[in-house]
Amino acid sequence: MALRQLTMAPRTRAQLAEKMAAKDVPEQVATDVLDRFEEVGLVDDGAYAQAYVHSRSRSRGKRALALELRRKGVDDETAREALDGVDDEVEEEAARELLRRPLAATRGLDRAARQRRLAGVLARRGYPPGLVMRLVREAIGADEDAEALED
């Protein structure tokens, strides 16, 4: 059962343990199997966390990624190590990119409404509040300047 789960997609030890418990596999048997899988490298929460962060860091902030990893059973230290690989500049550029489409969609709204909507876009993706507000102000300012030049 555990091998079948791993052939579909990489899994954390906790995810596999949860599946095995749902199928009434005795706890000691599940522990023995998972220990052996870790020994031979079939289950590696550190590698899983690294790959997960790498694949999703262009659309999520570190806070959201940490929460998602915790939900998947990755311990906090392993998650922190994986998240340390995300450069702050990369995170900021990803957030800027996420603002492009909704920025255009908010044209015509008053500045406060634009700020709320755009801040919500980034906040829901787990970006830190300080970064969110700075990028939203910059994006709206640049958009208003560009609009003024067009007129």
N, C-alpha and C. Protein backbone atom coordinates (compact mmCIF):
# COMPACT_ATOMS: atom_id res chain seq x y z
N MET A 1 0.82 -1.18 0.00
CA MET A 1 0.00 0.00 0.00
C MET A 1 0.88 1.26 0.00
N ALA A 2 1.91 1.28 0.82
CA ALA A 2 2.79 2.45 0.89
C ALA A 2 3.53 2.66 -0.42
N LEU A 3 3.97 1.58 -1.04
CA LEU A 3 4.65 1.70 -2.33
C LEU A 3 3.71 2.25 -3.40
N ARG A 4 2.47 1.83 -3.38
CA ARG A 4 1.49 2.33 -4.34
C ARG A 4 1.29 3.84 -4.16
N GLN A 5 1.23 4.28 -2.92
CA GLN A 5 1.09 5.70 -2.64
C GLN A 5 2.29 6.48 -3.18
N LEU A 6 3.47 5.92 -3.03
CA LEU A 6 4.68 6.61 -3.49
C LEU A 6 4.81 6.60 -5.00
N THR A 7 4.21 5.63 -5.68
CA THR A 7 4.28 5.64 -7.14
C THR A 7 3.38 6.72 -7.73
N MET A 8 2.34 7.11 -7.00
CA MET A 8 1.45 8.16 -7.49
C MET A 8 2.08 9.54 -7.34
N ALA A 9 2.74 9.78 -6.22
CA ALA A 9 3.37 11.08 -5.95
C ALA A 9 4.24 10.95 -4.71
N PRO A 10 5.23 11.80 -4.57
CA PRO A 10 6.03 11.77 -3.34
C PRO A 10 5.12 12.05 -2.13
N ARG A 11 5.43 11.43 -1.02
CA ARG A 11 4.65 11.60 0.20
C ARG A 11 5.58 11.77 1.39
N THR A 12 5.08 12.42 2.41
CA THR A 12 5.83 12.52 3.66
C THR A 12 5.56 11.27 4.49
N ARG A 13 6.40 11.09 5.48
CA ARG A 13 6.21 9.96 6.38
C ARG A 13 4.83 10.04 7.05
N ALA A 14 4.45 11.24 7.48
CA ALA A 14 3.16 11.42 8.15
C ALA A 14 1.99 11.10 7.22
N GLN A 15 2.09 11.48 5.97
CA GLN A 15 1.01 11.17 5.02
C GLN A 15 0.86 9.67 4.84
N LEU A 16 1.99 8.98 4.71
CA LEU A 16 1.94 7.52 4.56
C LEU A 16 1.39 6.86 5.83
N ALA A 17 1.82 7.35 6.98
CA ALA A 17 1.32 6.78 8.24
C ALA A 17 -0.18 6.98 8.36
N GLU A 18 -0.66 8.12 7.93
CA GLU A 18 -2.10 8.40 7.97
C GLU A 18 -2.87 7.45 7.06
N LYS A 19 -2.36 7.22 5.86
CA LYS A 19 -3.01 6.29 4.93
C LYS A 19 -3.03 4.88 5.49
N MET A 20 -1.91 4.48 6.08
CA MET A 20 -1.83 3.13 6.64
C MET A 20 -2.78 2.98 7.82
N ALA A 21 -2.90 3.99 8.64
CA ALA A 21 -3.82 3.95 9.78
C ALA A 21 -5.26 3.86 9.30
N ALA A 22 -5.56 4.56 8.21
CA ALA A 22 -6.92 4.53 7.66
C ALA A 22 -7.27 3.13 7.15
N LYS A 23 -6.27 2.36 6.77
CA LYS A 23 -6.50 0.99 6.29
C LYS A 23 -6.30 -0.04 7.40
N ASP A 24 -6.27 0.43 8.62
CA ASP A 24 -6.15 -0.43 9.80
C ASP A 24 -4.87 -1.28 9.83
N VAL A 25 -3.80 -0.73 9.30
CA VAL A 25 -2.50 -1.40 9.40
C VAL A 25 -2.04 -1.24 10.85
N PRO A 26 -1.61 -2.30 11.51
CA PRO A 26 -1.14 -2.18 12.89
C PRO A 26 -0.01 -1.14 12.99
N GLU A 27 -0.05 -0.37 14.07
CA GLU A 27 0.90 0.73 14.24
C GLU A 27 2.36 0.27 14.17
N GLN A 28 2.68 -0.85 14.79
CA GLN A 28 4.07 -1.33 14.78
C GLN A 28 4.50 -1.73 13.37
N VAL A 29 3.61 -2.34 12.61
CA VAL A 29 3.92 -2.71 11.22
C VAL A 29 4.17 -1.45 10.40
N ALA A 30 3.31 -0.45 10.55
CA ALA A 30 3.47 0.80 9.81
C ALA A 30 4.79 1.47 10.17
N THR A 31 5.13 1.49 11.44
CA THR A 31 6.39 2.10 11.88
C THR A 31 7.58 1.36 11.27
N ASP A 32 7.54 0.02 11.30
CA ASP A 32 8.64 -0.76 10.74
C ASP A 32 8.80 -0.50 9.24
N VAL A 33 7.69 -0.48 8.52
CA VAL A 33 7.72 -0.24 7.07
C VAL A 33 8.27 1.16 6.79
N LEU A 34 7.77 2.15 7.50
CA LEU A 34 8.21 3.53 7.26
C LEU A 34 9.67 3.74 7.65
N ASP A 35 10.11 3.09 8.71
CA ASP A 35 11.53 3.16 9.09
C ASP A 35 12.40 2.58 7.98
N ARG A 36 11.98 1.45 7.45
CA ARG A 36 12.75 0.82 6.36
C ARG A 36 12.74 1.69 5.11
N PHE A 37 11.60 2.29 4.79
CA PHE A 37 11.51 3.17 3.62
C PHE A 37 12.44 4.38 3.78
N GLU A 38 12.56 4.88 5.01
CA GLU A 38 13.49 5.99 5.24
C GLU A 38 14.94 5.53 5.07
N GLU A 39 15.24 4.34 5.57
CA GLU A 39 16.61 3.80 5.46
C GLU A 39 17.05 3.71 4.00
N VAL A 40 16.16 3.25 3.14
CA VAL A 40 16.54 3.05 1.73
C VAL A 40 16.27 4.30 0.88
N GLY A 41 15.75 5.35 1.49
CA GLY A 41 15.58 6.61 0.77
C GLY A 41 14.27 6.76 0.02
N LEU A 42 13.33 5.88 0.24
CA LEU A 42 12.04 6.02 -0.43
C LEU A 42 11.18 7.12 0.20
N VAL A 43 11.40 7.36 1.47
CA VAL A 43 10.70 8.42 2.18
C VAL A 43 11.75 9.35 2.76
N ASP A 44 11.70 10.61 2.37
CA ASP A 44 12.66 11.61 2.84
C ASP A 44 11.92 12.94 2.95
N ASP A 45 11.50 13.27 4.17
CA ASP A 45 10.74 14.49 4.39
C ASP A 45 11.53 15.74 4.01
N GLY A 46 12.83 15.72 4.21
CA GLY A 46 13.67 16.86 3.85
C GLY A 46 13.67 17.10 2.35
N ALA A 47 13.86 16.04 1.58
CA ALA A 47 13.84 16.17 0.12
C ALA A 47 12.45 16.56 -0.36
N TYR A 48 11.43 15.99 0.27
CA TYR A 48 10.05 16.35 -0.09
C TYR A 48 9.82 17.84 0.13
N ALA A 49 10.24 18.33 1.29
CA ALA A 49 10.04 19.75 1.61
C ALA A 49 10.79 20.64 0.63
N GLN A 50 12.02 20.28 0.28
CA GLN A 50 12.81 21.06 -0.67
C GLN A 50 12.11 21.14 -2.02
N ALA A 51 11.65 20.01 -2.51
CA ALA A 51 10.98 19.96 -3.81
C ALA A 51 9.66 20.73 -3.76
N TYR A 52 8.93 20.59 -2.69
CA TYR A 52 7.65 21.28 -2.55
C TYR A 52 7.85 22.79 -2.56
N VAL A 53 8.81 23.27 -1.79
CA VAL A 53 9.09 24.70 -1.73
C VAL A 53 9.57 25.21 -3.09
N HIS A 54 10.44 24.44 -3.72
CA HIS A 54 10.96 24.86 -5.04
C HIS A 54 9.83 25.00 -6.06
N SER A 55 8.90 24.06 -6.06
CA SER A 55 7.85 24.07 -7.07
C SER A 55 6.78 25.12 -6.81
N ARG A 56 6.64 25.56 -5.57
CA ARG A 56 5.54 26.48 -5.25
C ARG A 56 6.00 27.87 -4.81
N SER A 57 7.28 28.12 -4.75
CA SER A 57 7.76 29.41 -4.24
C SER A 57 7.47 30.57 -5.19
N ARG A 58 7.12 30.29 -6.44
CA ARG A 58 6.78 31.36 -7.37
C ARG A 58 5.34 31.83 -7.22
N SER A 59 4.54 31.13 -6.42
CA SER A 59 3.15 31.53 -6.27
C SER A 59 2.70 31.61 -4.82
N ARG A 60 3.61 31.38 -3.88
CA ARG A 60 3.26 31.40 -2.46
C ARG A 60 4.37 32.06 -1.66
N GLY A 61 3.98 32.72 -0.59
CA GLY A 61 4.94 33.28 0.35
C GLY A 61 5.44 32.22 1.29
N LYS A 62 6.50 32.53 2.00
CA LYS A 62 7.10 31.57 2.92
C LYS A 62 6.13 31.13 4.00
N ARG A 63 5.33 32.06 4.51
CA ARG A 63 4.39 31.72 5.57
C ARG A 63 3.38 30.68 5.10
N ALA A 64 2.85 30.86 3.89
CA ALA A 64 1.89 29.89 3.36
C ALA A 64 2.56 28.55 3.10
N LEU A 65 3.76 28.57 2.60
CA LEU A 65 4.48 27.33 2.34
C LEU A 65 4.74 26.57 3.64
N ALA A 66 5.12 27.30 4.69
CA ALA A 66 5.35 26.65 5.99
C ALA A 66 4.08 26.00 6.51
N LEU A 67 2.97 26.68 6.37
CA LEU A 67 1.69 26.11 6.82
C LEU A 67 1.32 24.87 6.01
N GLU A 68 1.52 24.93 4.70
CA GLU A 68 1.21 23.78 3.86
C GLU A 68 2.08 22.58 4.21
N LEU A 69 3.37 22.83 4.45
CA LEU A 69 4.27 21.73 4.84
C LEU A 69 3.86 21.14 6.18
N ARG A 70 3.47 21.99 7.11
CA ARG A 70 3.02 21.50 8.42
C ARG A 70 1.80 20.60 8.25
N ARG A 71 0.87 20.99 7.38
CA ARG A 71 -0.32 20.18 7.14
C ARG A 71 0.02 18.83 6.53
N LYS A 72 1.12 18.77 5.81
CA LYS A 72 1.53 17.53 5.18
C LYS A 72 2.39 16.68 6.11
N GLY A 73 2.61 17.17 7.32
CA GLY A 73 3.33 16.38 8.32
C GLY A 73 4.82 16.62 8.38
N VAL A 74 5.30 17.65 7.73
CA VAL A 74 6.73 17.98 7.78
C VAL A 74 6.98 18.76 9.07
N ASP A 75 8.00 18.34 9.84
CA ASP A 75 8.27 19.03 11.10
C ASP A 75 8.79 20.45 10.83
N ASP A 76 8.66 21.30 11.84
CA ASP A 76 9.00 22.72 11.67
C ASP A 76 10.46 22.95 11.29
N GLU A 77 11.37 22.20 11.88
CA GLU A 77 12.79 22.38 11.58
C GLU A 77 13.10 22.02 10.12
N THR A 78 12.54 20.93 9.64
CA THR A 78 12.74 20.52 8.25
C THR A 78 12.14 21.56 7.30
N ALA A 79 10.97 22.05 7.65
CA ALA A 79 10.32 23.08 6.83
C ALA A 79 11.17 24.35 6.81
N ARG A 80 11.68 24.75 7.96
CA ARG A 80 12.50 25.96 8.05
C ARG A 80 13.75 25.83 7.17
N GLU A 81 14.37 24.65 7.20
CA GLU A 81 15.55 24.44 6.36
C GLU A 81 15.21 24.56 4.88
N ALA A 82 14.07 24.02 4.49
CA ALA A 82 13.66 24.11 3.09
C ALA A 82 13.34 25.55 2.71
N LEU A 83 12.71 26.26 3.60
CA LEU A 83 12.32 27.65 3.32
C LEU A 83 13.51 28.60 3.32
N ASP A 84 14.59 28.23 4.00
CA ASP A 84 15.79 29.05 3.99
C ASP A 84 16.37 29.17 2.59
N GLY A 85 16.03 28.23 1.73
CA GLY A 85 16.52 28.25 0.35
C GLY A 85 15.78 29.26 -0.53
N VAL A 86 14.69 29.83 -0.03
CA VAL A 86 13.94 30.82 -0.82
C VAL A 86 14.55 32.19 -0.54
N ASP A 87 15.11 32.77 -1.55
CA ASP A 87 15.72 34.09 -1.45
C ASP A 87 14.64 35.15 -1.31
N ASP A 88 14.88 36.15 -0.47
CA ASP A 88 13.90 37.23 -0.27
C ASP A 88 13.61 37.96 -1.58
N GLU A 89 14.62 38.12 -2.41
CA GLU A 89 14.43 38.81 -3.69
C GLU A 89 13.53 37.99 -4.62
N VAL A 90 13.69 36.69 -4.60
CA VAL A 90 12.85 35.81 -5.41
C VAL A 90 11.41 35.88 -4.92
N GLU A 91 11.23 35.87 -3.60
CA GLU A 91 9.89 35.98 -3.02
C GLU A 91 9.24 37.31 -3.42
N GLU A 92 10.01 38.38 -3.36
CA GLU A 92 9.48 39.70 -3.71
C GLU A 92 9.10 39.76 -5.20
N GLU A 93 9.94 39.23 -6.04
CA GLU A 93 9.64 39.25 -7.48
C GLU A 93 8.40 38.41 -7.80
N ALA A 94 8.25 37.29 -7.12
CA ALA A 94 7.06 36.46 -7.31
C ALA A 94 5.81 37.23 -6.89
N ALA A 95 5.90 37.96 -5.79
CA ALA A 95 4.75 38.76 -5.33
C ALA A 95 4.43 39.86 -6.33
N ARG A 96 5.45 40.51 -6.87
CA ARG A 96 5.21 41.54 -7.89
C ARG A 96 4.48 40.96 -9.10
N GLU A 97 4.92 39.79 -9.50
CA GLU A 97 4.31 39.14 -10.67
C GLU A 97 2.84 38.81 -10.39
N LEU A 98 2.55 38.37 -9.17
CA LEU A 98 1.16 38.05 -8.82
C LEU A 98 0.26 39.28 -8.82
N LEU A 99 0.83 40.45 -8.66
CA LEU A 99 0.03 41.69 -8.64
C LEU A 99 -0.33 42.20 -10.03
N ARG A 100 0.37 41.78 -11.04
CA ARG A 100 0.18 42.36 -12.38
C ARG A 100 -1.25 42.28 -12.88
N ARG A 101 -1.84 41.14 -12.90
CA ARG A 101 -3.19 40.98 -13.45
C ARG A 101 -4.25 41.67 -12.59
N PRO A 102 -4.28 41.44 -11.28
CA PRO A 102 -5.31 42.12 -10.50
C PRO A 102 -5.14 43.63 -10.45
N LEU A 103 -3.92 44.12 -10.65
CA LEU A 103 -3.70 45.56 -10.67
C LEU A 103 -4.50 46.19 -11.80
N ALA A 104 -4.43 45.61 -12.97
CA ALA A 104 -5.18 46.13 -14.11
C ALA A 104 -6.68 46.01 -13.88
N ALA A 105 -7.10 44.97 -13.21
CA ALA A 105 -8.53 44.75 -12.98
C ALA A 105 -9.11 45.74 -11.98
N THR A 106 -8.26 46.38 -11.18
CA THR A 106 -8.77 47.32 -10.19
C THR A 106 -8.76 48.77 -10.67
N ARG A 107 -8.34 49.00 -11.89
CA ARG A 107 -8.37 50.38 -12.41
C ARG A 107 -9.80 50.90 -12.37
N GLY A 108 -9.92 52.14 -12.02
CA GLY A 108 -11.25 52.75 -11.94
C GLY A 108 -11.80 52.75 -10.52
N LEU A 109 -11.22 51.94 -9.64
CA LEU A 109 -11.64 51.95 -8.24
C LEU A 109 -10.85 53.02 -7.49
N ASP A 110 -11.40 53.46 -6.36
CA ASP A 110 -10.64 54.43 -5.57
C ASP A 110 -9.42 53.75 -4.97
N ARG A 111 -8.45 54.55 -4.58
CA ARG A 111 -7.15 54.03 -4.12
C ARG A 111 -7.29 53.07 -2.94
N ALA A 112 -8.15 53.39 -1.98
CA ALA A 112 -8.31 52.53 -0.79
C ALA A 112 -8.86 51.16 -1.19
N ALA A 113 -9.81 51.12 -2.08
CA ALA A 113 -10.39 49.85 -2.53
C ALA A 113 -9.34 49.03 -3.28
N ARG A 114 -8.54 49.71 -4.10
CA ARG A 114 -7.47 49.02 -4.82
C ARG A 114 -6.48 48.41 -3.84
N GLN A 115 -6.11 49.18 -2.84
CA GLN A 115 -5.15 48.67 -1.86
C GLN A 115 -5.69 47.45 -1.13
N ARG A 116 -6.95 47.50 -0.71
CA ARG A 116 -7.55 46.37 0.00
C ARG A 116 -7.55 45.12 -0.88
N ARG A 117 -8.00 45.28 -2.10
CA ARG A 117 -8.10 44.11 -2.99
C ARG A 117 -6.73 43.53 -3.31
N LEU A 118 -5.79 44.39 -3.64
CA LEU A 118 -4.45 43.90 -4.00
C LEU A 118 -3.73 43.31 -2.78
N ALA A 119 -3.90 43.93 -1.63
CA ALA A 119 -3.29 43.40 -0.41
C ALA A 119 -3.87 42.02 -0.10
N GLY A 120 -5.16 41.87 -0.33
CA GLY A 120 -5.80 40.58 -0.11
C GLY A 120 -5.24 39.48 -0.99
N VAL A 121 -4.92 39.84 -2.24
CA VAL A 121 -4.35 38.85 -3.17
C VAL A 121 -3.05 38.29 -2.61
N LEU A 122 -2.19 39.17 -2.15
CA LEU A 122 -0.89 38.72 -1.65
C LEU A 122 -1.00 38.10 -0.25
N ALA A 123 -1.86 38.65 0.58
CA ALA A 123 -2.01 38.11 1.94
C ALA A 123 -2.52 36.67 1.90
N ARG A 124 -3.46 36.40 1.01
CA ARG A 124 -3.98 35.02 0.91
C ARG A 124 -2.92 34.05 0.42
N ARG A 125 -1.91 34.55 -0.24
CA ARG A 125 -0.82 33.69 -0.71
C ARG A 125 0.31 33.57 0.30
N GLY A 126 0.15 34.20 1.46
CA GLY A 126 1.11 34.01 2.54
C GLY A 126 2.30 34.94 2.54
N TYR A 127 2.19 36.07 1.88
CA TYR A 127 3.30 37.03 1.90
C TYR A 127 3.22 37.87 3.16
N PRO A 128 4.38 38.30 3.70
CA PRO A 128 4.38 39.06 4.95
C PRO A 128 3.73 40.45 4.78
N PRO A 129 3.03 40.93 5.81
CA PRO A 129 2.29 42.19 5.71
C PRO A 129 3.12 43.39 5.28
N GLY A 130 4.33 43.52 5.79
CA GLY A 130 5.18 44.65 5.41
C GLY A 130 5.48 44.65 3.92
N LEU A 131 5.83 43.50 3.40
CA LEU A 131 6.11 43.37 1.97
C LEU A 131 4.86 43.62 1.15
N VAL A 132 3.73 43.10 1.62
CA VAL A 132 2.46 43.27 0.90
C VAL A 132 2.15 44.75 0.73
N MET A 133 2.17 45.49 1.83
CA MET A 133 1.79 46.89 1.75
C MET A 133 2.77 47.70 0.91
N ARG A 134 4.05 47.42 1.04
CA ARG A 134 5.04 48.15 0.25
C ARG A 134 4.84 47.90 -1.24
N LEU A 135 4.67 46.64 -1.62
CA LEU A 135 4.50 46.32 -3.03
C LEU A 135 3.19 46.86 -3.59
N VAL A 136 2.13 46.82 -2.79
CA VAL A 136 0.84 47.34 -3.24
C VAL A 136 0.93 48.83 -3.48
N ARG A 137 1.55 49.56 -2.54
CA ARG A 137 1.70 51.02 -2.72
C ARG A 137 2.55 51.32 -3.96
N GLU A 138 3.63 50.59 -4.13
CA GLU A 138 4.49 50.80 -5.30
C GLU A 138 3.74 50.51 -6.60
N ALA A 139 3.01 49.40 -6.62
CA ALA A 139 2.30 49.01 -7.84
C ALA A 139 1.21 50.02 -8.20
N ILE A 140 0.46 50.46 -7.21
CA ILE A 140 -0.61 51.44 -7.48
C ILE A 140 0.00 52.77 -7.91
N GLY A 141 1.06 53.19 -7.24
CA GLY A 141 1.74 54.43 -7.62
C GLY A 141 2.25 54.39 -9.05
N ALA A 142 2.91 53.30 -9.41
CA ALA A 142 3.43 53.16 -10.77
C ALA A 142 2.30 53.11 -11.79
N ASP A 143 1.22 52.42 -11.45
CA ASP A 143 0.07 52.33 -12.35
C ASP A 143 -0.58 53.69 -12.54
N GLU A 144 -0.73 54.45 -11.46
CA GLU A 144 -1.33 55.78 -11.57
C GLU A 144 -0.43 56.71 -12.37
N ASP A 145 0.89 56.61 -12.19
CA ASP A 145 1.82 57.42 -12.98
C ASP A 145 1.72 57.08 -14.46
N ALA A 146 1.65 55.79 -14.77
CA ALA A 146 1.53 55.35 -16.17
C ALA A 146 0.22 55.82 -16.77
N GLU A 147 -0.84 55.78 -15.98
CA GLU A 147 -2.16 56.23 -16.45
C GLU A 147 -2.15 57.73 -16.73
N ALA A 148 -1.47 58.50 -15.87
CA ALA A 148 -1.38 59.95 -16.04
C ALA A 148 -0.61 60.29 -17.30
N LEU A 149 0.43 59.52 -17.61
CA LEU A 149 1.21 59.76 -18.83
C LEU A 149 0.40 59.46 -20.08
N GLU A 150 -0.49 58.49 -19.99
CA GLU A 150 -1.32 58.14 -21.15
C GLU A 150 -2.34 59.22 -21.46
N ASP A 151 -2.79 59.93 -20.43
CA ASP A 151 -3.80 60.98 -20.62
C ASP A 151 -3.18 62.20 -21.19
